[in-house]
Amino acid sequence: TTGHFYRCASLIQAWWKYKRSEQREGVAREHATLVLQCSARQLLARVHTRRMKEFQNRVRNRAASVIQKHWREYIVEKRRYEASFAKLKEKLAREKEKAL
């Protein structure tokens, strides 16, 4: 009777301790899961950010190349125009001298 009461109390306490430890392990597992998920998300975010920066750099480089190409074409055309204008001025000056 009293022994039976203590034995029952011991069983209840043991069951309660088991459930509490199970609960703590569950909390620990949940925490570990959250830490792993957080780390995975950080890694994915870093990879995404790096890829976006690389993409933006490629776009900027292409844009800079196009601008440089057009600038060079402009400079070449300007020099051709200036050269032909200089030749025309020389020709007009020679014709003017001949006319005098």
N, C-alpha and C. Protein backbone atom coordinates (compact mmCIF):
# COMPACT_ATOMS: atom_id res chain seq x y z
N THR A 1 0.80 -1.18 0.00
CA THR A 1 0.00 0.00 0.00
C THR A 1 0.86 1.25 0.00
N THR A 2 1.62 1.50 1.08
CA THR A 2 2.50 2.66 1.05
C THR A 2 3.61 2.41 0.04
N GLY A 3 4.12 1.17 0.05
CA GLY A 3 5.15 0.82 -0.93
C GLY A 3 4.61 0.93 -2.34
N HIS A 4 3.38 0.51 -2.51
CA HIS A 4 2.72 0.61 -3.81
C HIS A 4 2.57 2.08 -4.20
N PHE A 5 2.21 2.92 -3.24
CA PHE A 5 2.06 4.36 -3.48
C PHE A 5 3.39 4.96 -3.94
N TYR A 6 4.49 4.63 -3.25
CA TYR A 6 5.80 5.16 -3.61
C TYR A 6 6.27 4.63 -4.98
N ARG A 7 5.96 3.38 -5.22
CA ARG A 7 6.33 2.79 -6.52
C ARG A 7 5.56 3.49 -7.65
N CYS A 8 4.30 3.76 -7.43
CA CYS A 8 3.48 4.49 -8.43
C CYS A 8 4.01 5.90 -8.61
N ALA A 9 4.35 6.57 -7.49
CA ALA A 9 4.88 7.92 -7.55
C ALA A 9 6.20 7.92 -8.32
N SER A 10 7.05 6.91 -8.09
CA SER A 10 8.33 6.80 -8.80
C SER A 10 8.09 6.60 -10.29
N LEU A 11 7.11 5.78 -10.64
CA LEU A 11 6.80 5.55 -12.06
C LEU A 11 6.31 6.84 -12.72
N ILE A 12 5.45 7.56 -12.01
CA ILE A 12 4.94 8.83 -12.56
C ILE A 12 6.08 9.83 -12.72
N GLN A 13 6.96 9.91 -11.71
CA GLN A 13 8.10 10.82 -11.81
C GLN A 13 9.02 10.43 -12.96
N ALA A 14 9.29 9.15 -13.11
CA ALA A 14 10.15 8.68 -14.18
C ALA A 14 9.53 9.01 -15.54
N TRP A 15 8.21 8.77 -15.66
CA TRP A 15 7.53 9.09 -16.91
C TRP A 15 7.60 10.59 -17.18
N TRP A 16 7.37 11.39 -16.13
CA TRP A 16 7.40 12.85 -16.28
C TRP A 16 8.80 13.31 -16.69
N LYS A 17 9.85 12.79 -16.07
CA LYS A 17 11.22 13.16 -16.43
C LYS A 17 11.53 12.76 -17.87
N TYR A 18 11.05 11.58 -18.27
CA TYR A 18 11.24 11.13 -19.65
C TYR A 18 10.58 12.10 -20.63
N LYS A 19 9.34 12.49 -20.32
CA LYS A 19 8.62 13.41 -21.21
C LYS A 19 9.32 14.77 -21.28
N ARG A 20 9.79 15.25 -20.12
CA ARG A 20 10.50 16.54 -20.08
C ARG A 20 11.79 16.47 -20.90
N SER A 21 12.54 15.36 -20.75
CA SER A 21 13.78 15.24 -21.51
C SER A 21 13.47 15.12 -23.01
N GLU A 22 12.40 14.42 -23.32
CA GLU A 22 11.97 14.32 -24.72
C GLU A 22 11.62 15.70 -25.25
N GLN A 23 10.94 16.47 -24.42
CA GLN A 23 10.54 17.82 -24.80
C GLN A 23 11.78 18.69 -25.02
N ARG A 24 12.75 18.58 -24.09
CA ARG A 24 13.99 19.35 -24.24
C ARG A 24 14.74 18.96 -25.51
N GLU A 25 14.78 17.65 -25.77
CA GLU A 25 15.44 17.19 -27.00
C GLU A 25 14.72 17.73 -28.22
N GLY A 26 13.39 17.76 -28.14
CA GLY A 26 12.62 18.31 -29.26
C GLY A 26 12.94 19.78 -29.48
N VAL A 27 13.05 20.53 -28.37
CA VAL A 27 13.39 21.95 -28.47
C VAL A 27 14.79 22.10 -29.04
N ALA A 28 15.71 21.26 -28.56
CA ALA A 28 17.09 21.31 -29.06
C ALA A 28 17.13 20.97 -30.55
N ARG A 29 16.37 19.95 -30.94
CA ARG A 29 16.30 19.58 -32.37
C ARG A 29 15.73 20.72 -33.19
N GLU A 30 14.68 21.33 -32.67
CA GLU A 30 14.05 22.45 -33.38
C GLU A 30 15.03 23.60 -33.52
N HIS A 31 15.76 23.89 -32.46
CA HIS A 31 16.76 24.97 -32.50
C HIS A 31 17.85 24.64 -33.53
N ALA A 32 18.33 23.38 -33.50
CA ALA A 32 19.35 22.97 -34.45
C ALA A 32 18.83 23.09 -35.89
N THR A 33 17.58 22.71 -36.08
CA THR A 33 16.97 22.82 -37.41
C THR A 33 16.91 24.28 -37.86
N LEU A 34 16.52 25.16 -36.94
CA LEU A 34 16.46 26.58 -37.28
C LEU A 34 17.84 27.13 -37.62
N VAL A 35 18.85 26.72 -36.85
CA VAL A 35 20.21 27.19 -37.13
C VAL A 35 20.66 26.72 -38.51
N LEU A 36 20.39 25.46 -38.83
CA LEU A 36 20.76 24.93 -40.15
C LEU A 36 20.02 25.65 -41.27
N GLN A 37 18.73 25.88 -41.07
CA GLN A 37 17.94 26.59 -42.09
C GLN A 37 18.46 28.01 -42.29
N CYS A 38 18.78 28.65 -41.18
CA CYS A 38 19.30 30.02 -41.25
C CYS A 38 20.62 30.05 -42.03
N SER A 39 21.50 29.09 -41.72
CA SER A 39 22.79 29.02 -42.41
C SER A 39 22.59 28.75 -43.90
N ALA A 40 21.66 27.86 -44.22
CA ALA A 40 21.39 27.56 -45.63
C ALA A 40 20.85 28.79 -46.36
N ARG A 41 19.95 29.51 -45.70
CA ARG A 41 19.40 30.73 -46.33
C ARG A 41 20.48 31.78 -46.52
N GLN A 42 21.37 31.92 -45.54
CA GLN A 42 22.47 32.88 -45.67
C GLN A 42 23.34 32.53 -46.87
N LEU A 43 23.67 31.24 -46.99
CA LEU A 43 24.50 30.80 -48.11
C LEU A 43 23.81 31.09 -49.44
N LEU A 44 22.53 30.76 -49.52
CA LEU A 44 21.78 31.01 -50.76
C LEU A 44 21.72 32.51 -51.06
N ALA A 45 21.55 33.32 -50.04
CA ALA A 45 21.49 34.77 -50.23
C ALA A 45 22.84 35.29 -50.73
N ARG A 46 23.92 34.77 -50.17
CA ARG A 46 25.24 35.21 -50.61
C ARG A 46 25.50 34.82 -52.06
N VAL A 47 25.13 33.59 -52.40
CA VAL A 47 25.31 33.13 -53.79
C VAL A 47 24.47 33.99 -54.73
N HIS A 48 23.22 34.26 -54.35
CA HIS A 48 22.34 35.08 -55.18
C HIS A 48 22.92 36.48 -55.35
N THR A 49 23.38 37.07 -54.25
CA THR A 49 23.95 38.42 -54.30
C THR A 49 25.18 38.46 -55.19
N ARG A 50 26.06 37.45 -55.05
CA ARG A 50 27.26 37.40 -55.88
C ARG A 50 26.89 37.29 -57.36
N ARG A 51 25.92 36.43 -57.67
CA ARG A 51 25.50 36.27 -59.07
C ARG A 51 24.89 37.55 -59.62
N MET A 52 24.10 38.23 -58.79
CA MET A 52 23.50 39.49 -59.25
C MET A 52 24.58 40.53 -59.52
N LYS A 53 25.58 40.61 -58.64
CA LYS A 53 26.67 41.57 -58.85
C LYS A 53 27.44 41.24 -60.12
N GLU A 54 27.71 39.94 -60.33
CA GLU A 54 28.40 39.53 -61.55
C GLU A 54 27.59 39.89 -62.79
N PHE A 55 26.28 39.67 -62.73
CA PHE A 55 25.41 40.02 -63.86
C PHE A 55 25.43 41.52 -64.11
N GLN A 56 25.32 42.30 -63.04
CA GLN A 56 25.35 43.76 -63.20
C GLN A 56 26.67 44.22 -63.78
N ASN A 57 27.77 43.61 -63.35
CA ASN A 57 29.08 43.98 -63.89
C ASN A 57 29.17 43.64 -65.38
N ARG A 58 28.62 42.47 -65.76
CA ARG A 58 28.62 42.12 -67.19
C ARG A 58 27.82 43.13 -68.00
N VAL A 59 26.66 43.53 -67.47
CA VAL A 59 25.82 44.51 -68.18
C VAL A 59 26.56 45.83 -68.30
N ARG A 60 27.18 46.27 -67.21
CA ARG A 60 27.93 47.54 -67.25
C ARG A 60 29.08 47.47 -68.23
N ASN A 61 29.80 46.34 -68.24
CA ASN A 61 30.93 46.20 -69.16
C ASN A 61 30.47 46.23 -70.61
N ARG A 62 29.34 45.55 -70.88
CA ARG A 62 28.81 45.59 -72.25
C ARG A 62 28.42 47.02 -72.63
N ALA A 63 27.76 47.71 -71.72
CA ALA A 63 27.34 49.08 -72.00
C ALA A 63 28.57 49.97 -72.23
N ALA A 64 29.60 49.80 -71.41
CA ALA A 64 30.82 50.59 -71.57
C ALA A 64 31.48 50.28 -72.91
N SER A 65 31.47 49.02 -73.30
CA SER A 65 32.07 48.64 -74.59
C SER A 65 31.32 49.28 -75.75
N VAL A 66 30.00 49.30 -75.67
CA VAL A 66 29.20 49.91 -76.74
C VAL A 66 29.48 51.41 -76.80
N ILE A 67 29.54 52.05 -75.64
CA ILE A 67 29.83 53.50 -75.61
C ILE A 67 31.21 53.75 -76.20
N GLN A 68 32.21 52.97 -75.79
CA GLN A 68 33.57 53.15 -76.31
C GLN A 68 33.62 52.94 -77.82
N LYS A 69 32.90 51.92 -78.30
CA LYS A 69 32.88 51.65 -79.74
C LYS A 69 32.32 52.85 -80.50
N HIS A 70 31.20 53.38 -80.04
CA HIS A 70 30.59 54.52 -80.73
C HIS A 70 31.47 55.77 -80.61
N TRP A 71 32.12 55.93 -79.49
CA TRP A 71 33.01 57.09 -79.33
C TRP A 71 34.17 57.00 -80.32
N ARG A 72 34.75 55.81 -80.43
CA ARG A 72 35.86 55.64 -81.37
C ARG A 72 35.40 55.89 -82.81
N GLU A 73 34.22 55.38 -83.16
CA GLU A 73 33.68 55.62 -84.49
C GLU A 73 33.49 57.12 -84.73
N TYR A 74 32.99 57.81 -83.71
CA TYR A 74 32.79 59.26 -83.83
C TYR A 74 34.13 59.97 -84.06
N ILE A 75 35.15 59.59 -83.28
CA ILE A 75 36.46 60.24 -83.42
C ILE A 75 37.04 59.99 -84.81
N VAL A 76 36.92 58.77 -85.32
CA VAL A 76 37.43 58.44 -86.66
C VAL A 76 36.70 59.29 -87.71
N GLU A 77 35.37 59.36 -87.61
CA GLU A 77 34.60 60.16 -88.57
C GLU A 77 34.96 61.64 -88.47
N LYS A 78 35.16 62.12 -87.28
CA LYS A 78 35.52 63.53 -87.08
C LYS A 78 36.87 63.83 -87.73
N ARG A 79 37.83 62.91 -87.54
CA ARG A 79 39.16 63.13 -88.15
C ARG A 79 39.08 63.08 -89.67
N ARG A 80 38.27 62.16 -90.21
CA ARG A 80 38.09 62.10 -91.67
C ARG A 80 37.48 63.40 -92.19
N TYR A 81 36.47 63.87 -91.48
CA TYR A 81 35.81 65.11 -91.89
C TYR A 81 36.80 66.27 -91.83
N GLU A 82 37.57 66.35 -90.73
CA GLU A 82 38.54 67.44 -90.59
C GLU A 82 39.60 67.36 -91.69
N ALA A 83 40.03 66.14 -92.02
CA ALA A 83 41.04 65.97 -93.07
C ALA A 83 40.47 66.40 -94.42
N SER A 84 39.26 65.96 -94.74
CA SER A 84 38.68 66.34 -96.03
C SER A 84 38.39 67.84 -96.08
N PHE A 85 38.01 68.44 -94.96
CA PHE A 85 37.78 69.88 -94.90
C PHE A 85 39.09 70.64 -95.11
N ALA A 86 40.17 70.14 -94.52
CA ALA A 86 41.48 70.78 -94.70
C ALA A 86 41.91 70.71 -96.15
N LYS A 87 41.69 69.54 -96.79
CA LYS A 87 42.03 69.40 -98.20
C LYS A 87 41.21 70.36 -99.05
N LEU A 88 39.95 70.48 -98.74
CA LEU A 88 39.08 71.39 -99.48
C LEU A 88 39.53 72.83 -99.32
N LYS A 89 39.94 73.21 -98.12
CA LYS A 89 40.44 74.57 -97.88
C LYS A 89 41.71 74.83 -98.69
N GLU A 90 42.60 73.84 -98.71
CA GLU A 90 43.84 73.98 -99.49
C GLU A 90 43.51 74.13 -100.98
N LYS A 91 42.60 73.33 -101.46
CA LYS A 91 42.22 73.39 -102.87
C LYS A 91 41.63 74.76 -103.21
N LEU A 92 40.75 75.26 -102.35
CA LEU A 92 40.15 76.58 -102.58
C LEU A 92 41.20 77.68 -102.53
N ALA A 93 42.17 77.54 -101.60
CA ALA A 93 43.24 78.54 -101.51
C ALA A 93 44.08 78.53 -102.78
N ARG A 94 44.41 77.34 -103.31
CA ARG A 94 45.19 77.26 -104.55
C ARG A 94 44.42 77.87 -105.73
N GLU A 95 43.14 77.56 -105.80
CA GLU A 95 42.32 78.11 -106.90
C GLU A 95 42.24 79.63 -106.80
N LYS A 96 42.17 80.12 -105.57
CA LYS A 96 42.09 81.57 -105.36
C LYS A 96 43.39 82.23 -105.83
N GLU A 97 44.55 81.57 -105.54
CA GLU A 97 45.84 82.13 -105.95
C GLU A 97 45.95 82.13 -107.46
N LYS A 98 45.44 81.06 -108.09
CA LYS A 98 45.50 80.99 -109.54
C LYS A 98 44.63 82.08 -110.17
N ALA A 99 43.53 82.37 -109.53
CA ALA A 99 42.62 83.36 -110.08
C ALA A 99 43.22 84.76 -109.97
N LEU A 100 44.09 84.98 -109.02
CA LEU A 100 44.69 86.30 -108.87
C LEU A 100 45.76 86.50 -109.83
